[in-house]
Amino acid sequence: EEFRVIVLRPSEADGAAGEVYLADPPVLAR
């Protein structure tokens, strides 16, 4: 499924994952 999220931290140039915040349910994830 697709979700609308807020990007808290961008992905890095070396390929490291970023971090997003989903409001409902409230989830912080890579």
All heavy atoms as atom14 arrays in JSON, in Angstrom:
{
  "sequence": "EEFRVIVLRPSEADGAAGEVYLADPPVLAR",
  "atom14_mask": [
    [1, 1, 1, 1, 1, 1, 1, 1, 1, 0, 0, 0, 0, 0],
    [1, 1, 1, 1, 1, 1, 1, 1, 1, 0, 0, 0, 0, 0],
    [1, 1, 1, 1, 1, 1, 1, 1, 1, 1, 1, 0, 0, 0],
    [1, 1, 1, 1, 1, 1, 1, 1, 1, 1, 1, 0, 0, 0],
    [1, 1, 1, 1, 1, 1, 1, 0, 0, 0, 0, 0, 0, 0],
    [1, 1, 1, 1, 1, 1, 1, 1, 0, 0, 0, 0, 0, 0],
    [1, 1, 1, 1, 1, 1, 1, 0, 0, 0, 0, 0, 0, 0],
    [1, 1, 1, 1, 1, 1, 1, 1, 0, 0, 0, 0, 0, 0],
    [1, 1, 1, 1, 1, 1, 1, 1, 1, 1, 1, 0, 0, 0],
    [1, 1, 1, 1, 1, 1, 1, 0, 0, 0, 0, 0, 0, 0],
    [1, 1, 1, 1, 1, 1, 0, 0, 0, 0, 0, 0, 0, 0],
    [1, 1, 1, 1, 1, 1, 1, 1, 1, 0, 0, 0, 0, 0],
    [1, 1, 1, 1, 1, 0, 0, 0, 0, 0, 0, 0, 0, 0],
    [1, 1, 1, 1, 1, 1, 1, 1, 0, 0, 0, 0, 0, 0],
    [1, 1, 1, 1, 0, 0, 0, 0, 0, 0, 0, 0, 0, 0],
    [1, 1, 1, 1, 1, 0, 0, 0, 0, 0, 0, 0, 0, 0],
    [1, 1, 1, 1, 1, 0, 0, 0, 0, 0, 0, 0, 0, 0],
    [1, 1, 1, 1, 0, 0, 0, 0, 0, 0, 0, 0, 0, 0],
    [1, 1, 1, 1, 1, 1, 1, 1, 1, 0, 0, 0, 0, 0],
    [1, 1, 1, 1, 1, 1, 1, 0, 0, 0, 0, 0, 0, 0],
    [1, 1, 1, 1, 1, 1, 1, 1, 1, 1, 1, 1, 0, 0],
    [1, 1, 1, 1, 1, 1, 1, 1, 0, 0, 0, 0, 0, 0],
    [1, 1, 1, 1, 1, 0, 0, 0, 0, 0, 0, 0, 0, 0],
    [1, 1, 1, 1, 1, 1, 1, 1, 0, 0, 0, 0, 0, 0],
    [1, 1, 1, 1, 1, 1, 1, 0, 0, 0, 0, 0, 0, 0],
    [1, 1, 1, 1, 1, 1, 1, 0, 0, 0, 0, 0, 0, 0],
    [1, 1, 1, 1, 1, 1, 1, 0, 0, 0, 0, 0, 0, 0],
    [1, 1, 1, 1, 1, 1, 1, 1, 0, 0, 0, 0, 0, 0],
    [1, 1, 1, 1, 1, 0, 0, 0, 0, 0, 0, 0, 0, 0],
    [1, 1, 1, 1, 1, 1, 1, 1, 1, 1, 1, 0, 0, 0]
  ],
  "atom14_positions": [
    [[0.83, -1.2, 0.0], [0.0, 0.0, 0.0], [0.87, 1.25, 0.0], [2.02, 1.25, 0.44], [-0.92, 0.02, 1.22], [-2.04, -0.99, 1.18], [-3.03, -0.77, 2.33], [-3.19, 0.4, 2.77], [-3.62, -1.77, 2.78], [0.0, 0.0, 0.0], [0.0, 0.0, 0.0], [0.0, 0.0, 0.0], [0.0, 0.0, 0.0], [0.0, 0.0, 0.0]],
    [[0.26, 2.35, -0.49], [0.95, 3.62, -0.5], [0.41, 4.51, 0.63], [-0.77, 4.44, 0.98], [0.78, 4.32, -1.85], [1.51, 3.6, -2.98], [1.51, 4.4, -4.27], [0.67, 5.33, -4.41], [2.33, 4.1, -5.15], [0.0, 0.0, 0.0], [0.0, 0.0, 0.0], [0.0, 0.0, 0.0], [0.0, 0.0, 0.0], [0.0, 0.0, 0.0]],
    [[1.3, 5.33, 1.19], [0.96, 6.19, 2.31], [1.54, 7.58, 2.09], [2.61, 7.72, 1.48], [1.53, 5.63, 3.62], [1.0, 4.28, 4.01], [1.56, 3.12, 3.49], [-0.05, 4.16, 4.9], [1.08, 1.87, 3.85], [-0.54, 2.91, 5.27], [0.03, 1.77, 4.74], [0.0, 0.0, 0.0], [0.0, 0.0, 0.0], [0.0, 0.0, 0.0]],
    [[0.86, 8.59, 2.61], [1.4, 9.95, 2.62], [2.18, 10.13, 3.92], [1.66, 9.87, 5.02], [0.29, 10.98, 2.54], [-0.49, 10.94, 1.26], [0.36, 11.43, 0.08], [0.52, 12.89, 0.09], [1.29, 13.56, -0.75], [2.02, 12.88, -1.65], [1.37, 14.87, -0.69], [0.0, 0.0, 0.0], [0.0, 0.0, 0.0], [0.0, 0.0, 0.0]],
    [[3.42, 10.56, 3.8], [4.31, 10.68, 4.96], [5.05, 12.01, 4.92], [5.13, 12.67, 3.87], [5.34, 9.53, 5.01], [4.66, 8.18, 5.14], [6.24, 9.57, 3.78], [0.0, 0.0, 0.0], [0.0, 0.0, 0.0], [0.0, 0.0, 0.0], [0.0, 0.0, 0.0], [0.0, 0.0, 0.0], [0.0, 0.0, 0.0], [0.0, 0.0, 0.0]],
    [[5.6, 12.38, 6.08], [6.49, 13.54, 6.17], [7.92, 13.03, 6.2], [8.24, 12.12, 6.98], [6.19, 14.36, 7.44], [4.8, 14.99, 7.36], [7.24, 15.45, 7.65], [4.34, 15.63, 8.65], [0.0, 0.0, 0.0], [0.0, 0.0, 0.0], [0.0, 0.0, 0.0], [0.0, 0.0, 0.0], [0.0, 0.0, 0.0], [0.0, 0.0, 0.0]],
    [[8.77, 13.58, 5.37], [10.18, 13.17, 5.33], [10.93, 13.92, 6.43], [11.01, 15.15, 6.42], [10.81, 13.46, 3.97], [12.28, 13.02, 3.97], [10.05, 12.74, 2.86], [0.0, 0.0, 0.0], [0.0, 0.0, 0.0], [0.0, 0.0, 0.0], [0.0, 0.0, 0.0], [0.0, 0.0, 0.0], [0.0, 0.0, 0.0], [0.0, 0.0, 0.0]],
    [[11.46, 13.18, 7.4], [12.21, 13.77, 8.49], [13.69, 13.86, 8.18], [14.37, 14.8, 8.61], [12.01, 12.96, 9.78], [10.59, 12.86, 10.31], [10.59, 12.09, 11.63], [9.97, 14.23, 10.5], [0.0, 0.0, 0.0], [0.0, 0.0, 0.0], [0.0, 0.0, 0.0], [0.0, 0.0, 0.0], [0.0, 0.0, 0.0], [0.0, 0.0, 0.0]],
    [[14.2, 12.88, 7.46], [15.62, 12.85, 7.14], [15.78, 12.31, 5.73], [15.24, 11.25, 5.41], [16.38, 11.98, 8.13], [17.9, 12.06, 8.02], [18.57, 11.12, 9.02], [18.31, 9.74, 8.69], [18.01, 8.8, 9.59], [17.94, 9.1, 10.86], [17.8, 7.55, 9.22], [0.0, 0.0, 0.0], [0.0, 0.0, 0.0], [0.0, 0.0, 0.0]],
    [[16.5, 13.02, 4.86], [16.64, 12.55, 3.48], [17.56, 11.34, 3.41], [18.36, 11.09, 4.32], [17.26, 13.75, 2.77], [18.04, 14.46, 3.84], [17.23, 14.28, 5.1], [0.0, 0.0, 0.0], [0.0, 0.0, 0.0], [0.0, 0.0, 0.0], [0.0, 0.0, 0.0], [0.0, 0.0, 0.0], [0.0, 0.0, 0.0], [0.0, 0.0, 0.0]],
    [[17.45, 10.6, 2.34], [18.39, 9.51, 2.12], [19.77, 10.1, 1.81], [19.89, 11.22, 1.31], [17.92, 8.64, 0.94], [17.58, 9.46, -0.17], [0.0, 0.0, 0.0], [0.0, 0.0, 0.0], [0.0, 0.0, 0.0], [0.0, 0.0, 0.0], [0.0, 0.0, 0.0], [0.0, 0.0, 0.0], [0.0, 0.0, 0.0], [0.0, 0.0, 0.0]],
    [[20.82, 9.36, 2.16], [22.18, 9.86, 2.02], [22.74, 9.5, 0.64], [22.27, 8.58, -0.03], [23.07, 9.26, 3.11], [22.6, 9.55, 4.52], [22.7, 11.02, 4.89], [23.51, 11.74, 4.25], [21.96, 11.45, 5.79], [0.0, 0.0, 0.0], [0.0, 0.0, 0.0], [0.0, 0.0, 0.0], [0.0, 0.0, 0.0], [0.0, 0.0, 0.0]],
    [[23.77, 10.25, 0.27], [24.39, 10.02, -1.04], [24.98, 8.63, -1.15], [25.08, 8.06, -2.24], [25.47, 11.08, -1.28], [0.0, 0.0, 0.0], [0.0, 0.0, 0.0], [0.0, 0.0, 0.0], [0.0, 0.0, 0.0], [0.0, 0.0, 0.0], [0.0, 0.0, 0.0], [0.0, 0.0, 0.0], [0.0, 0.0, 0.0], [0.0, 0.0, 0.0]],
    [[25.38, 8.05, 0.0], [25.98, 6.71, -0.03], [24.93, 5.61, -0.05], [25.26, 4.43, 0.08], [26.92, 6.52, 1.17], [26.19, 6.63, 2.5], [24.95, 6.79, 2.51], [26.87, 6.56, 3.55], [0.0, 0.0, 0.0], [0.0, 0.0, 0.0], [0.0, 0.0, 0.0], [0.0, 0.0, 0.0], [0.0, 0.0, 0.0], [0.0, 0.0, 0.0]],
    [[23.66, 6.01, -0.17], [22.6, 5.02, -0.25], [21.91, 4.7, 1.05], [20.96, 3.92, 1.08], [0.0, 0.0, 0.0], [0.0, 0.0, 0.0], [0.0, 0.0, 0.0], [0.0, 0.0, 0.0], [0.0, 0.0, 0.0], [0.0, 0.0, 0.0], [0.0, 0.0, 0.0], [0.0, 0.0, 0.0], [0.0, 0.0, 0.0], [0.0, 0.0, 0.0]],
    [[22.38, 5.28, 2.15], [21.73, 5.05, 3.45], [20.3, 5.54, 3.41], [20.0, 6.59, 2.82], [22.51, 5.76, 4.55], [0.0, 0.0, 0.0], [0.0, 0.0, 0.0], [0.0, 0.0, 0.0], [0.0, 0.0, 0.0], [0.0, 0.0, 0.0], [0.0, 0.0, 0.0], [0.0, 0.0, 0.0], [0.0, 0.0, 0.0], [0.0, 0.0, 0.0]],
    [[19.41, 4.78, 4.03], [17.98, 5.1, 3.98], [17.67, 6.39, 4.72], [18.37, 6.77, 5.67], [17.18, 3.95, 4.56], [0.0, 0.0, 0.0], [0.0, 0.0, 0.0], [0.0, 0.0, 0.0], [0.0, 0.0, 0.0], [0.0, 0.0, 0.0], [0.0, 0.0, 0.0], [0.0, 0.0, 0.0], [0.0, 0.0, 0.0], [0.0, 0.0, 0.0]],
    [[16.63, 7.06, 4.3], [16.12, 8.21, 5.02], [15.13, 7.79, 6.08], [14.96, 6.59, 6.36], [0.0, 0.0, 0.0], [0.0, 0.0, 0.0], [0.0, 0.0, 0.0], [0.0, 0.0, 0.0], [0.0, 0.0, 0.0], [0.0, 0.0, 0.0], [0.0, 0.0, 0.0], [0.0, 0.0, 0.0], [0.0, 0.0, 0.0], [0.0, 0.0, 0.0]],
    [[14.44, 8.76, 6.66], [13.46, 8.48, 7.71], [12.19, 9.26, 7.42], [12.25, 10.45, 7.07], [14.03, 8.87, 9.07], [13.11, 8.52, 10.24], [13.72, 8.89, 11.58], [14.02, 10.1, 11.77], [13.91, 8.0, 12.41], [0.0, 0.0, 0.0], [0.0, 0.0, 0.0], [0.0, 0.0, 0.0], [0.0, 0.0, 0.0], [0.0, 0.0, 0.0]],
    [[11.05, 8.59, 7.59], [9.76, 9.23, 7.33], [8.83, 9.04, 8.52], [9.02, 8.13, 9.34], [9.09, 8.66, 6.06], [9.93, 8.97, 4.83], [8.84, 7.15, 6.19], [0.0, 0.0, 0.0], [0.0, 0.0, 0.0], [0.0, 0.0, 0.0], [0.0, 0.0, 0.0], [0.0, 0.0, 0.0], [0.0, 0.0, 0.0], [0.0, 0.0, 0.0]],
    [[7.84, 9.92, 8.59], [6.85, 9.87, 9.67], [5.46, 9.76, 9.08], [5.03, 10.62, 8.3], [6.96, 11.13, 10.53], [5.88, 11.25, 11.58], [5.75, 10.31, 12.59], [4.98, 12.32, 11.56], [4.76, 10.41, 13.55], [3.98, 12.44, 12.53], [3.87, 11.48, 13.51], [2.89, 11.59, 14.46], [0.0, 0.0, 0.0], [0.0, 0.0, 0.0]],
    [[4.81, 8.67, 9.42], [3.42, 8.43, 9.03], [2.53, 8.83, 10.21], [2.75, 8.37, 11.33], [3.23, 6.95, 8.68], [1.8, 6.45, 8.44], [1.19, 7.13, 7.23], [1.82, 4.93, 8.26], [0.0, 0.0, 0.0], [0.0, 0.0, 0.0], [0.0, 0.0, 0.0], [0.0, 0.0, 0.0], [0.0, 0.0, 0.0], [0.0, 0.0, 0.0]],
    [[1.52, 9.66, 9.95], [0.73, 10.19, 11.06], [-0.32, 9.22, 11.58], [-0.65, 9.23, 12.77], [0.06, 11.5, 10.63], [0.0, 0.0, 0.0], [0.0, 0.0, 0.0], [0.0, 0.0, 0.0], [0.0, 0.0, 0.0], [0.0, 0.0, 0.0], [0.0, 0.0, 0.0], [0.0, 0.0, 0.0], [0.0, 0.0, 0.0], [0.0, 0.0, 0.0]],
    [[-0.88, 8.36, 10.7], [-1.96, 7.49, 11.14], [-1.84, 6.12, 10.47], [-2.11, 6.01, 9.27], [-3.32, 8.11, 10.8], [-4.49, 7.3, 11.34], [-4.25, 6.51, 12.29], [-5.62, 7.45, 10.84], [0.0, 0.0, 0.0], [0.0, 0.0, 0.0], [0.0, 0.0, 0.0], [0.0, 0.0, 0.0], [0.0, 0.0, 0.0], [0.0, 0.0, 0.0]],
    [[-1.45, 5.08, 11.23], [-1.0, 5.13, 12.63], [0.36, 5.82, 12.73], [1.12, 5.81, 11.75], [-0.9, 3.65, 13.02], [-0.59, 2.96, 11.72], [-1.35, 3.71, 10.67], [0.0, 0.0, 0.0], [0.0, 0.0, 0.0], [0.0, 0.0, 0.0], [0.0, 0.0, 0.0], [0.0, 0.0, 0.0], [0.0, 0.0, 0.0], [0.0, 0.0, 0.0]],
    [[0.65, 6.44, 13.87], [1.91, 7.19, 13.99], [3.12, 6.25, 13.96], [3.35, 5.49, 14.89], [1.77, 7.9, 15.33], [0.8, 7.07, 16.11], [-0.14, 6.49, 15.11], [0.0, 0.0, 0.0], [0.0, 0.0, 0.0], [0.0, 0.0, 0.0], [0.0, 0.0, 0.0], [0.0, 0.0, 0.0], [0.0, 0.0, 0.0], [0.0, 0.0, 0.0]],
    [[3.89, 6.32, 12.89], [5.0, 5.41, 12.67], [6.22, 6.2, 12.22], [6.12, 7.06, 11.33], [4.66, 4.36, 11.6], [5.88, 3.54, 11.21], [3.54, 3.43, 12.09], [0.0, 0.0, 0.0], [0.0, 0.0, 0.0], [0.0, 0.0, 0.0], [0.0, 0.0, 0.0], [0.0, 0.0, 0.0], [0.0, 0.0, 0.0], [0.0, 0.0, 0.0]],
    [[7.36, 5.93, 12.84], [8.66, 6.42, 12.38], [9.38, 5.25, 11.75], [9.51, 4.19, 12.39], [9.48, 6.98, 13.54], [9.03, 8.31, 14.14], [9.73, 8.53, 15.47], [9.34, 9.46, 13.2], [0.0, 0.0, 0.0], [0.0, 0.0, 0.0], [0.0, 0.0, 0.0], [0.0, 0.0, 0.0], [0.0, 0.0, 0.0], [0.0, 0.0, 0.0]],
    [[9.86, 5.4, 10.52], [10.48, 4.25, 9.85], [11.48, 4.71, 8.8], [11.46, 5.85, 8.34], [9.41, 3.38, 9.2], [0.0, 0.0, 0.0], [0.0, 0.0, 0.0], [0.0, 0.0, 0.0], [0.0, 0.0, 0.0], [0.0, 0.0, 0.0], [0.0, 0.0, 0.0], [0.0, 0.0, 0.0], [0.0, 0.0, 0.0], [0.0, 0.0, 0.0]],
    [[12.35, 3.77, 8.41], [13.31, 4.03, 7.34], [12.61, 3.99, 6.0], [11.57, 3.33, 5.83], [14.44, 3.02, 7.39], [14.0, 1.59, 7.16], [15.14, 0.59, 7.37], [16.16, 0.74, 6.34], [16.12, 0.12, 5.17], [15.11, -0.69, 4.87], [17.09, 0.29, 4.3], [0.0, 0.0, 0.0], [0.0, 0.0, 0.0], [0.0, 0.0, 0.0]]
  ]
}
